[in-house]
Amino acid sequence: MECCRWTTAGTLLLASLILSSRTARSEEDRDSLWDAWGSWSECSRTCGGGASYSLRRCLSSKTCEGRNIRYRTCSNVDCPPEAGDFRAQQCSAHNDVKYQGQLYEWLPVSNDPDNPCSLKCQARGTALVVELAPKVLDGTRCYTESLDMCISGLCQIVGCDHQLGSAVKEDNCGVCNGDGSTCRLVRGQYKSQLSASKLDDTVVAIPYGSRQVRLVLKGPDHLYLETKTLQGVKSENSLSTTGSFIIENSCIDFQKFPDKEILRMSGPLTADFTIKIHYAGAADSSVQFIFYQPIIHRWRETDFFPCSASCGGGYQLTSAECFDLRSNRVVADQYCHYYPENIKPKPKLQECNLDPCPASDGYKQIMPYDLYHPLPRWESTPWTACSSSCGGGIQSRSVSCVEEDIQGHISPVEEWKCMYTPKMPVVQPCNIFDCPKWLAQEWSPCTVTCGQGLRYRVVLCIDHRGMHTGGCSPKTKPHIKEECVVPTPCYKPKERLPVEAKLPWYKQAQELEEGTAVSEEPSFIPEAWSTCSVTCGVGSQVRLVKCQVLLSFSQSVADLPIDECEGPKPVSQRACYSGPCSGEAAEYTPEETQLLYGSLQELDELYDWEYEGFTECSESCGGGVQEAVVTCLNKQTREIADETLCVSSRRPPQLLKACSLDPCPPR
């Protein structure tokens, strides 16, 4: 009976095992009569990514559809730097095996486009390349810059998630299946600036964690590196020969050519690198660089703050804090604002402690929260006056978070309570239009027909709308008068010879010279002078003088009462001179001139009349007259001669000009 009972139990156990085995099989396995998959083998590598396999057995006497072996990746952890390259280890295993009767030191040949999974090695110091094995060990990378691995002599696709057959890839920031938002592309160019006092200069600082670094130097200078670890250890490394180097656990690939140098670092860098240039020649060098810099400061959402009320309904908010990914600590918000890619998350708001508050008569009624208990809000003060009246300034205001209770009383509260909506700006630009500028018009003709004279021009103060206005700096005003030379000789018979500007030009220039610009302080502003009261001789001019001020906001001018302006009021009347009246200056007729010149041509070749300045003013104020002094000169010796020797030349007309035009003080 015991034997029977045992046999029955054994039968039940066997049936249970068979049922369990069948349950473990997939539908495909049962349909194709495959046995269950076996356990996974040991990993082909202990680090750096290897391969493991599992087998199954066909239970049918016929051929089963499908494969009897499957693979998976394993040991997907980085190897220590001293472990070396896996393919190089396989090549060096043949160093003690003679090839064609000779021992060699074998180096790996990577990235074979035809058969990346064969073990090809090159004898050091020679061009000899030999296939030492038809296939590399499972888990060997097909290519140095790829996760794809060789399994049974075939290159298998491996995604960044370390799954066979996966097409998932890292983004430029090194994040598997990422969107590139955790880093930023940095590219630029450096040009050397030779200096007798400088032997080197900094090209660019590349921070910890950067990837895909590439620099190209063109010119006679040389690159070198300075590093600083997170622990503060500093070192300097010169790059003198072509090759691959390990610096602070980061792989450096350097190529040196006669006219350029190329530096590559795949990253991520394990220290802060500063790329410098050492001046080595008289010619300039340029360095182009590009890399992906990690965004090491990122926003992190906080938990909800404590509820604003202990009962009766309150609210609570989340916030965001700037977090340093390297030091794992919270830092000032300005570090996160440095990256435009960083978008600060909006605070979340929720109600809390909705239970009614106890009252003397039991419980008081709870009103709808959003209607009778308004949320805190931002309030601002008026903008300050603009810091500049033109050319771009700034104005500021205060913004605070306030809360209004049921009775309508407003009180300031902590800012985090208003963070569910964006805070209003506290600074803004203003008066961004251009400041008034001086505009010089064309020069007038020269005031003489021969020799040296004067010329004038009108200079206007023009605003950003092209209107004539005030506000230009007198210090930068272009001059309105300058000397000019007419290349015509002055020893020939002359017509009328003016030495001052004609009236319209002189009048315009004088008005602009005496004009006063409207400013933001009340000031006297004179208008243009009226025309002279007479057409010849000495007369008078009048003008209107107003008290005005410039309004900075509207850029308009407002009139004020006269007593609002301080200082002396400009004069509103002055004397003027409109030239000599008829009969005041004698002139020769053309017939008289021809008669004189017909008999005295020899003297005309040697002597001539010329102006020699003006007499003193006839009056000290209130308007006077100066008369031009005419002398007879020897044109060769420039000495004054007797006037009778110039009788053959036409005597210049009498020339008068106004002087001492300021009004006389009251007596």
Foldseek 3Di string as FASTA:
>chain_A
DVVVVVVVVVVVVVVVVVVVQVVQDDPLCVVQQKGHKADWDDFLDQADKFKIKIAIHRPDPDDGPDDGMDMAIDRHHHDPPVVDALLQVVQQVCQPPDDPNHGFRWGFDADDVPQLFFNWTDGPPDRDIDRPGQGDHTGHASHPPANFTDDPRDTFHAEPVRTTPDPFHADQLRHTNDDLLQWDKDKDKDKDDDDPVDFKDWDDKAFAQKFWKKKKKFAQKAKWKWWAAPVGDIDTGGDDAADWDQDLNWIWGWHDDRGMIMITTGDNHRTIMIMMIGDDDPDMMMMIIMIIHGLQKAKDKDDWDDFPDQALKTKIKIAIFIAGNVVGDTDDPVSQVVDPSHDGDFMDMDMDRNHFDADPVGTDDRDPCCPQFPFKEKDKDDWDDFPDLAQKGKIFIDIFIWGQHNVGDIDGDDPRSHRNDDTDDGMDMPRNFHAWDKDKDDKDPFQFQAAKAKIFTAIFTAGSVRDGAFDDDPVPTDDGMDMDGNHDDDLDFDAATDRDDAPVRVQRNVQVVPADGAEQQWAKGKDRWDDFPDQAAKGKIFTDIFTWHQDSRVRDIDTDPPVSHDDDHDDGMWMAGNWHDPPPKDFDDPVVLCVLQVVQVVLSVFKEKDWDAWDDFPDQARKTKIKTDIFIAGPVVRDTDDPVSHSSHTHHIIGMDMDRTHHDDDD
